[in-house]
Protein backbone atom coordinates (compact mmCIF):
# COMPACT_ATOMS: atom_id res chain seq x y z
CA UNK A 1 13.28 7.03 76.95
CA UNK A 2 11.18 10.15 76.58
CA UNK A 3 10.54 11.96 73.32
CA UNK A 4 12.61 14.85 74.68
CA UNK A 5 15.60 12.52 74.80
CA UNK A 6 14.91 11.46 71.23
CA UNK A 7 15.18 15.09 70.21
CA UNK A 8 18.36 15.53 72.24
CA UNK A 9 19.84 12.45 70.60
CA UNK A 10 19.34 13.93 67.16
CA UNK A 11 21.14 17.14 68.17
CA UNK A 12 23.89 15.36 70.07
CA UNK A 13 24.52 13.12 67.07
CA UNK A 14 25.37 16.28 65.16
CA UNK A 15 27.43 17.68 68.03
CA UNK A 16 29.54 14.53 68.17
CA UNK A 17 31.17 15.41 64.86
CA UNK A 18 34.06 17.80 64.46
CA UNK A 19 32.09 19.86 61.95
CA UNK A 20 29.31 20.76 64.39
CA UNK A 21 28.71 24.14 62.80
CA UNK A 22 28.36 22.66 59.33
CA UNK A 23 25.90 19.99 60.42
CA UNK A 24 23.65 22.52 62.14
CA UNK A 25 23.88 25.17 59.47
CA UNK A 26 20.36 24.89 58.13
CA UNK A 27 19.62 27.84 60.42
CA UNK A 28 21.92 29.94 58.26
CA UNK A 29 21.73 28.15 54.95
CA UNK A 30 23.09 24.88 53.69
CA UNK A 31 26.05 23.54 55.52
CA UNK A 32 28.44 23.46 52.58
CA UNK A 33 28.78 27.25 52.42
CA UNK A 34 31.39 27.46 55.17
CA UNK A 35 33.21 24.40 53.96
CA UNK A 36 33.24 25.68 50.38
CA UNK A 37 34.47 29.09 51.45
CA UNK A 38 37.40 27.70 53.41
CA UNK A 39 38.43 25.53 50.49
CA UNK A 40 37.80 28.16 47.85
CA UNK A 41 39.82 30.81 49.63
CA UNK A 42 42.82 28.51 49.50
CA UNK A 43 42.55 28.21 45.77
CA UNK A 44 43.82 30.70 43.26
CA UNK A 45 41.21 33.34 42.52
CA UNK A 46 40.15 33.89 38.98
CA UNK A 47 41.82 36.76 37.24
CA UNK A 48 39.80 39.92 37.29
CA UNK A 49 37.74 40.84 34.27
CA UNK A 50 39.01 44.10 32.89
CA UNK A 51 36.42 46.71 32.06
CA UNK A 52 36.81 49.27 29.32
CA UNK A 53 34.72 51.60 27.22
CA UNK A 54 32.50 52.61 30.12
CA UNK A 55 31.91 49.07 31.35
CA UNK A 56 31.52 47.30 28.03
CA UNK A 57 31.58 43.52 28.13
CA UNK A 58 35.07 42.02 27.90
CA UNK A 59 36.51 38.63 28.76
CA UNK A 60 39.65 36.54 28.83
CA UNK A 61 40.90 35.02 25.63
CA UNK A 62 39.27 31.66 24.97
CA UNK A 63 42.72 30.05 24.97
CA UNK A 64 43.00 30.91 28.68
CA UNK A 65 39.87 28.97 29.56
CA UNK A 66 39.76 25.43 30.90
CA UNK A 67 37.56 22.80 29.26
CA UNK A 68 37.01 19.19 30.29
CA UNK A 69 36.91 17.91 26.72
CA UNK A 70 36.59 18.91 23.09
CA UNK A 71 32.83 18.45 23.41
CA UNK A 72 32.84 20.82 26.36
CA UNK A 73 34.76 23.47 24.42
CA UNK A 74 32.43 23.16 21.42
CA UNK A 75 29.42 23.56 23.70
CA UNK A 76 31.00 26.70 25.14
CA UNK A 77 31.67 28.07 21.65
CA UNK A 78 28.06 27.51 20.57
CA UNK A 79 26.70 29.17 23.69
CA UNK A 80 29.14 32.07 23.41
CA UNK A 81 28.13 32.63 19.79
CA UNK A 82 24.46 32.64 20.79
CA UNK A 83 25.16 35.28 23.44
CA UNK A 84 27.24 37.40 21.07
CA UNK A 85 24.43 37.45 18.50
CA UNK A 86 21.78 38.38 21.04
CA UNK A 87 20.09 41.77 21.05
CA UNK A 88 17.64 43.81 23.07
CA UNK A 89 17.51 43.75 26.85
CA UNK A 90 19.17 40.59 28.20
CA UNK A 91 21.41 39.11 30.87
CA UNK A 92 24.72 37.51 29.84
CA UNK A 93 26.55 35.10 32.14
CA UNK A 94 30.14 34.00 31.51
CA UNK A 95 30.89 30.97 33.66
CA UNK A 96 34.57 31.00 32.73
CA UNK A 97 34.94 34.68 33.64
CA UNK A 98 32.65 34.36 36.66
CA UNK A 99 31.00 37.55 35.55
CA UNK A 100 27.56 38.80 34.56
CA UNK A 101 26.45 41.67 32.34
CA UNK A 102 23.03 43.19 31.84
CA UNK A 103 22.91 44.65 28.36
CA UNK A 104 20.33 46.71 26.48
CA UNK A 105 21.17 46.67 22.78
CA UNK A 106 24.79 47.94 22.83
CA UNK A 107 24.70 49.52 26.31
CA UNK A 108 26.02 47.69 29.38
CA UNK A 109 23.77 48.57 32.31
CA UNK A 110 25.39 46.32 34.92
CA UNK A 111 28.76 44.58 35.07
CA UNK A 112 29.15 42.38 38.14
CA UNK A 113 31.35 39.55 39.46
CA UNK A 114 29.60 36.34 40.43
CA UNK A 115 30.16 32.95 42.03
CA UNK A 116 29.51 30.03 39.68
CA UNK A 117 29.27 26.24 39.85
CA UNK A 118 32.26 24.42 41.29
CA UNK A 119 32.12 21.49 38.86
CA UNK A 120 32.71 18.73 41.40
CA UNK A 121 30.85 15.41 41.44
CA UNK A 122 29.08 13.80 44.39
CA UNK A 123 28.85 10.00 44.22
CA UNK A 124 27.44 8.24 47.26
CA UNK A 125 25.24 5.17 47.65
CA UNK A 126 24.19 5.26 44.00
CA UNK A 127 23.41 8.97 44.08
CA UNK A 128 25.40 10.78 41.39
CA UNK A 129 25.34 14.55 40.91
CA UNK A 130 27.76 16.90 39.15
CA UNK A 131 27.52 20.51 40.24
CA UNK A 132 27.54 22.37 36.93
CA UNK A 133 25.48 25.12 35.33
CA UNK A 134 24.04 24.24 31.94
CA UNK A 135 25.01 26.63 29.18
CA UNK A 136 22.53 28.06 26.73
CA UNK A 137 19.45 30.26 26.78
CA UNK A 138 17.18 30.55 29.79
CA UNK A 139 14.43 32.94 30.84
CA UNK A 140 13.64 34.68 34.14
CA UNK A 141 10.49 32.77 35.12
CA UNK A 142 9.75 34.60 38.36
CA UNK A 143 11.52 36.53 41.10
CA UNK A 144 11.05 37.03 44.81
CA UNK A 145 12.34 38.90 47.84
CA UNK A 146 13.40 37.10 51.05
CA UNK A 147 13.22 33.74 49.26
CA UNK A 148 12.89 30.44 51.11
CA UNK A 149 15.02 27.58 49.82
CA UNK A 150 13.82 23.98 49.70
CA UNK A 151 17.06 22.01 49.50
CA UNK A 152 17.38 19.32 46.82
CA UNK A 153 18.37 15.79 47.82
CA UNK A 154 22.03 16.50 47.13
CA UNK A 155 22.28 18.58 50.34
CA UNK A 156 21.48 15.54 52.45
CA UNK A 157 23.71 13.17 50.50
CA UNK A 158 26.57 15.66 50.68
CA UNK A 159 26.12 16.04 54.44
CA UNK A 160 25.93 12.27 54.90
CA UNK A 161 29.17 11.79 52.96
CA UNK A 162 30.96 14.44 55.02
CA UNK A 163 29.76 13.06 58.34
CA UNK A 164 29.94 9.33 57.57
CA UNK A 165 26.18 8.80 57.90
CA UNK A 166 23.67 6.59 56.12
CA UNK A 167 20.81 8.16 54.18
CA UNK A 168 17.18 7.30 54.86
CA UNK A 169 14.03 8.98 53.61
CA UNK A 170 10.94 10.03 55.54
CA UNK A 171 7.79 9.21 53.56
CA UNK A 172 5.11 11.80 52.83
CA UNK A 173 2.59 9.50 54.49
CA UNK A 174 3.07 6.80 57.08
CA UNK A 175 6.27 6.43 59.07
CA UNK A 176 9.77 5.02 59.09
CA UNK A 177 11.27 3.13 62.02
CA UNK A 178 14.45 4.66 63.47
CA UNK A 179 17.36 2.57 64.74
CA UNK A 180 16.07 2.96 68.31
CA UNK A 181 12.65 1.59 67.36
CA UNK A 182 10.75 4.87 67.40
CA UNK A 183 8.54 5.91 64.50
CA UNK A 184 9.49 9.03 62.53
CA UNK A 185 6.50 10.57 60.79
CA UNK A 186 4.96 13.80 59.51
CA UNK A 187 2.07 15.58 61.17
CA UNK A 188 0.80 18.76 59.59
CA UNK A 189 3.98 20.06 57.98
CA UNK A 190 6.37 19.03 60.76
CA UNK A 191 8.64 16.00 61.03
CA UNK A 192 8.70 14.36 64.44
CA UNK A 193 8.76 11.15 66.43
CA UNK A 194 5.94 9.15 67.99
CA UNK A 195 6.49 8.04 71.57
CA UNK A 196 3.70 6.14 73.30
CA UNK A 197 1.35 7.53 70.67
CA UNK A 198 2.39 11.13 71.36
CA UNK A 199 3.92 13.27 68.59
CA UNK A 200 7.05 15.31 69.33
CA UNK A 201 8.32 17.58 66.53
CA UNK A 202 12.01 17.78 65.67
CA UNK A 203 13.71 21.20 65.52
CA UNK A 204 13.21 22.60 62.02
CA UNK A 205 16.65 24.21 61.87
CA UNK A 206 18.65 21.01 62.27
CA UNK A 207 19.15 17.93 60.19
CA UNK A 208 17.15 14.96 61.44
CA UNK A 209 19.85 12.55 62.63
CA UNK A 210 19.28 9.52 64.85
CA UNK A 211 22.19 7.19 65.50
CA UNK A 212 24.12 6.83 62.25
CA UNK A 213 21.20 7.75 60.00
CA UNK A 214 20.41 11.10 58.37
CA UNK A 215 16.78 11.37 57.27
CA UNK A 216 15.62 13.34 54.21
CA UNK A 217 12.41 15.22 55.08
CA UNK A 218 9.57 15.35 52.54
CA UNK A 219 9.27 18.42 50.34
CA UNK A 220 6.79 20.92 51.76
CA UNK A 221 7.60 20.26 55.41
CA UNK A 222 9.05 23.00 57.60
CA UNK A 223 12.12 20.80 58.08
CA UNK A 224 12.90 21.32 54.41
CA UNK A 225 12.56 25.09 54.30
CA UNK A 226 15.69 27.19 54.78
CA UNK A 227 15.68 30.97 55.13
CA UNK A 228 18.68 33.17 54.37
CA UNK A 229 20.66 30.89 52.08
CA UNK A 230 19.57 32.66 48.89
CA UNK A 231 20.20 36.15 50.25
CA UNK A 232 17.61 38.89 49.94
CA UNK A 233 16.52 38.23 46.36
CA UNK A 234 16.35 35.52 43.73
CA UNK A 235 15.53 35.33 40.02
CA UNK A 236 14.34 31.86 39.08
CA UNK A 237 15.64 30.37 35.80
CA UNK A 238 13.93 26.99 36.16
CA UNK A 239 15.14 23.42 36.80
CA UNK A 240 16.75 24.48 40.08
CA UNK A 241 18.93 27.21 38.55
CA UNK A 242 18.74 30.70 40.01
CA UNK A 243 20.44 34.06 40.13
CA UNK A 244 20.46 34.90 43.82
CA UNK A 245 22.20 36.60 46.71
CA UNK A 246 24.22 34.90 49.40
CA UNK A 247 25.28 35.35 53.03
CA UNK A 248 28.74 34.22 51.87
CA UNK A 249 30.01 37.34 50.14
CA UNK A 250 33.56 35.92 50.12
CA UNK A 251 32.49 33.33 47.54
CA UNK A 252 31.84 35.95 44.86
CA UNK A 253 34.32 35.56 42.00
CA UNK A 254 34.93 31.88 42.78
CA UNK A 255 33.76 28.54 41.45
CA UNK A 256 31.90 27.71 44.64
CA UNK A 257 28.20 26.96 44.03
CA UNK A 258 26.15 23.86 43.32
CA UNK A 259 24.87 25.26 40.02
CA UNK A 260 23.31 28.65 40.74
CA UNK A 261 24.93 32.04 40.12
CA UNK A 262 25.49 34.11 43.27
CA UNK A 263 25.88 37.88 43.53
CA UNK A 264 26.97 40.58 45.90
CA UNK A 265 24.12 42.16 47.85
CA UNK A 266 24.03 45.37 45.82
CA UNK A 267 24.14 43.51 42.48
CA UNK A 268 21.32 41.05 43.20
CA UNK A 269 19.21 43.95 44.46
CA UNK A 270 19.82 45.78 41.17
CA UNK A 271 18.87 42.67 39.20
CA UNK A 272 15.70 42.20 41.23
CA UNK A 273 14.62 45.78 40.73
CA UNK A 274 15.59 46.17 37.07
CA UNK A 275 15.33 42.79 35.33
CA UNK A 276 11.69 41.91 34.56
CA UNK A 277 10.20 38.44 34.42
CA UNK A 278 10.54 37.14 30.86
CA UNK A 279 14.07 38.52 30.35
CA UNK A 280 16.38 36.23 28.37
CA UNK A 281 19.51 34.96 30.11
CA UNK A 282 22.42 33.75 27.96
CA UNK A 283 24.86 31.46 29.75
CA UNK A 284 28.18 30.35 28.26
């Protein structure tokens, strides 16, 4: 079998599933966007946040909010109080309202809907991850235009669960033996397969799937760099949390993300242009 057929096998393994578009969606962003959108659109949308007094910050009554526990509600109350007592130029994020305000002293400069974390839990093969956004105070650490996303491990575990695949990891150095006996390895910053001592790179815009195994590429390789998913701009809040754009504009206003806060194109552009690095971000 030639190395070209190894490559074809990895693509055909994806094509053999009903969700072919989702499994190949690294070319457009992570595969869960389309799946999330379809599910989210079937759910009841959050009630709109009414604006008054020239766009001043308003929200639903706390009694209308949903909390998982008393501890959860107390955490919300502490974070809300911290945001209410804040001053100066800052960003305020209400996860319950799915809304964001940029405020300077008493003036609201931007009032925008947002998509927030969906709150579901992924539990597969000992990998446990709940998709929430931590409340509290954060800071804009840096920002960038046309950002490239390096997907966390959860993307691969989520895809494996959806497609009924096993997870395997490609080491930074050395190789791993695929089910067909070939060696998967990294050369330069590309993941590929060795056949008769010759290296053949896998397509960078597809998951690496051979047989029933989905392989997690090492960080830093081109196979783990995704353009377009974060929209045109991002503001980094640290620990994987970001304010960013999205190609999925229909998700705005929904609980649809894996922890970040997504914006409409015009709103994330405003944030990028007007919110400096070092700005405080209050999340409740």
